[in-house]
Amino acid sequence: SPGWHAKREREEIRKGSPRLWTALENEEHIS
């Protein structure tokens, strides 16, 4: 399912790009 894929993708970002992950998290909290 699309939701599962998004979750998997987010986990890869979190592991591979902590700085990018933080930016994405901040964007979610702001919007």
PDB file of N, CA and C in Angstrom:
ATOM      1  N   SER A   1       0.842  -1.202   0.000  1.00  0.00           N
ATOM      2  CA  SER A   1       0.000   0.000   0.000  1.00  0.00           C
ATOM      3  C   SER A   1       0.877   1.252   0.000  1.00  0.00           C
ATOM      4  N   PRO A   2       0.348   2.357  -0.503  1.00  0.00           N
ATOM      5  CA  PRO A   2       1.124   3.605  -0.567  1.00  0.00           C
ATOM      6  C   PRO A   2       1.618   4.044   0.812  1.00  0.00           C
ATOM      7  N   GLY A   3       0.780   3.887   1.836  1.00  0.00           N
ATOM      8  CA  GLY A   3       1.171   4.277   3.180  1.00  0.00           C
ATOM      9  C   GLY A   3       2.393   3.501   3.649  1.00  0.00           C
ATOM     10  N   TRP A   4       2.407   2.206   3.364  1.00  0.00           N
ATOM     11  CA  TRP A   4       3.546   1.371   3.775  1.00  0.00           C
ATOM     12  C   TRP A   4       4.807   1.837   3.062  1.00  0.00           C
ATOM     13  N   HIS A   5       4.672   2.138   1.792  1.00  0.00           N
ATOM     14  CA  HIS A   5       5.831   2.574   1.006  1.00  0.00           C
ATOM     15  C   HIS A   5       6.385   3.887   1.559  1.00  0.00           C
ATOM     16  N   ALA A   6       5.475   4.802   1.899  1.00  0.00           N
ATOM     17  CA  ALA A   6       5.903   6.091   2.444  1.00  0.00           C
ATOM     18  C   ALA A   6       6.640   5.885   3.768  1.00  0.00           C
ATOM     19  N   LYS A   7       6.111   4.982   4.595  1.00  0.00           N
ATOM     20  CA  LYS A   7       6.753   4.713   5.884  1.00  0.00           C
ATOM     21  C   LYS A   7       8.154   4.141   5.659  1.00  0.00           C
ATOM     22  N   ARG A   8       8.277   3.212   4.729  1.00  0.00           N
ATOM     23  CA  ARG A   8       9.566   2.605   4.427  1.00  0.00           C
ATOM     24  C   ARG A   8      10.544   3.669   3.950  1.00  0.00           C
ATOM     25  N   GLU A   9      10.049   4.544   3.085  1.00  0.00           N
ATOM     26  CA  GLU A   9      10.887   5.595   2.517  1.00  0.00           C
ATOM     27  C   GLU A   9      11.382   6.525   3.621  1.00  0.00           C
ATOM     28  N   ARG A  10      10.470   6.866   4.548  1.00  0.00           N
ATOM     29  CA  ARG A  10      10.829   7.746   5.657  1.00  0.00           C
ATOM     30  C   ARG A  10      11.893   7.098   6.534  1.00  0.00           C
ATOM     31  N   GLU A  11      11.786   5.800   6.756  1.00  0.00           N
ATOM     32  CA  GLU A  11      12.783   5.098   7.565  1.00  0.00           C
ATOM     33  C   GLU A  11      14.156   5.139   6.894  1.00  0.00           C
ATOM     34  N   GLU A  12      14.170   5.008   5.568  1.00  0.00           N
ATOM     35  CA  GLU A  12      15.440   5.072   4.836  1.00  0.00           C
ATOM     36  C   GLU A  12      16.052   6.464   4.954  1.00  0.00           C
ATOM     37  N   ILE A  13      15.195   7.493   4.852  1.00  0.00           N
ATOM     38  CA  ILE A  13      15.686   8.869   4.972  1.00  0.00           C
ATOM     39  C   ILE A  13      16.244   9.093   6.372  1.00  0.00           C
ATOM     40  N   ARG A  14      15.508   8.606   7.366  1.00  0.00           N
ATOM     41  CA  ARG A  14      15.934   8.809   8.757  1.00  0.00           C
ATOM     42  C   ARG A  14      17.302   8.173   9.004  1.00  0.00           C
ATOM     43  N   LYS A  15      17.503   6.982   8.419  1.00  0.00           N
ATOM     44  CA  LYS A  15      18.781   6.288   8.616  1.00  0.00           C
ATOM     45  C   LYS A  15      19.897   6.920   7.784  1.00  0.00           C
ATOM     46  N   GLY A  16      19.563   7.281   6.547  1.00  0.00           N
ATOM     47  CA  GLY A  16      20.596   7.701   5.604  1.00  0.00           C
ATOM     48  C   GLY A  16      20.884   9.189   5.615  1.00  0.00           C
ATOM     49  N   SER A  17      19.879  10.004   5.982  1.00  0.00           N
ATOM     50  CA  SER A  17      20.040  11.454   5.901  1.00  0.00           C
ATOM     51  C   SER A  17      19.403  12.125   7.110  1.00  0.00           C
ATOM     52  N   PRO A  18      20.054  12.021   8.278  1.00  0.00           N
ATOM     53  CA  PRO A  18      19.470  12.579   9.506  1.00  0.00           C
ATOM     54  C   PRO A  18      19.139  14.056   9.374  1.00  0.00           C
ATOM     55  N   ARG A  19      19.980  14.799   8.656  1.00  0.00           N
ATOM     56  CA  ARG A  19      19.753  16.235   8.518  1.00  0.00           C
ATOM     57  C   ARG A  19      18.509  16.487   7.684  1.00  0.00           C
ATOM     58  N   LEU A  20      18.366  15.749   6.595  1.00  0.00           N
ATOM     59  CA  LEU A  20      17.183  15.878   5.748  1.00  0.00           C
ATOM     60  C   LEU A  20      15.947  15.446   6.521  1.00  0.00           C
ATOM     61  N   TRP A  21      16.078  14.384   7.294  1.00  0.00           N
ATOM     62  CA  TRP A  21      14.964  13.897   8.110  1.00  0.00           C
ATOM     63  C   TRP A  21      14.483  14.988   9.059  1.00  0.00           C
ATOM     64  N   THR A  22      15.426  15.651   9.716  1.00  0.00           N
ATOM     65  CA  THR A  22      15.078  16.722  10.658  1.00  0.00           C
ATOM     66  C   THR A  22      14.341  17.838   9.937  1.00  0.00           C
ATOM     67  N   ALA A  23      14.801  18.189   8.740  1.00  0.00           N
ATOM     68  CA  ALA A  23      14.149  19.241   7.961  1.00  0.00           C
ATOM     69  C   ALA A  23      12.719  18.844   7.622  1.00  0.00           C
ATOM     70  N   LEU A  24      12.520  17.583   7.248  1.00  0.00           N
ATOM     71  CA  LEU A  24      11.174  17.110   6.917  1.00  0.00           C
ATOM     72  C   LEU A  24      10.275  17.146   8.144  1.00  0.00           C
ATOM     73  N   GLU A  25      10.802  16.718   9.273  1.00  0.00           N
ATOM     74  CA  GLU A  25      10.035  16.738  10.516  1.00  0.00           C
ATOM     75  C   GLU A  25       9.622  18.166  10.862  1.00  0.00           C
ATOM     76  N   ASN A  26      10.547  19.099  10.746  1.00  0.00           N
ATOM     77  CA  ASN A  26      10.259  20.492  11.072  1.00  0.00           C
ATOM     78  C   ASN A  26       9.175  21.046  10.152  1.00  0.00           C
ATOM     79  N   GLU A  27       9.258  20.699   8.866  1.00  0.00           N
ATOM     80  CA  GLU A  27       8.262  21.162   7.906  1.00  0.00           C
ATOM     81  C   GLU A  27       6.876  20.671   8.294  1.00  0.00           C
ATOM     82  N   GLU A  28       6.790  19.421   8.719  1.00  0.00           N
ATOM     83  CA  GLU A  28       5.497  18.847   9.095  1.00  0.00           C
ATOM     84  C   GLU A  28       4.920  19.568  10.303  1.00  0.00           C
ATOM     85  N   HIS A  29       5.770  19.894  11.249  1.00  0.00           N
ATOM     86  CA  HIS A  29       5.283  20.543  12.468  1.00  0.00           C
ATOM     87  C   HIS A  29       4.838  21.978  12.181  1.00  0.00           C
ATOM     88  N   ILE A  30       5.523  22.634  11.245  1.00  0.00           N
ATOM     89  CA  ILE A  30       5.195  24.025  10.916  1.00  0.00           C
ATOM     90  C   ILE A  30       3.879  24.099  10.143  1.00  0.00           C
ATOM     91  N   SER A  31       3.727  23.228   9.156  1.00  0.00           N
ATOM     92  CA  SER A  31       2.551  23.308   8.279  1.00  0.00           C
ATOM     93  C   SER A  31       1.302  22.739   8.930  1.00  0.00           C
TER      94      SER A  31
END
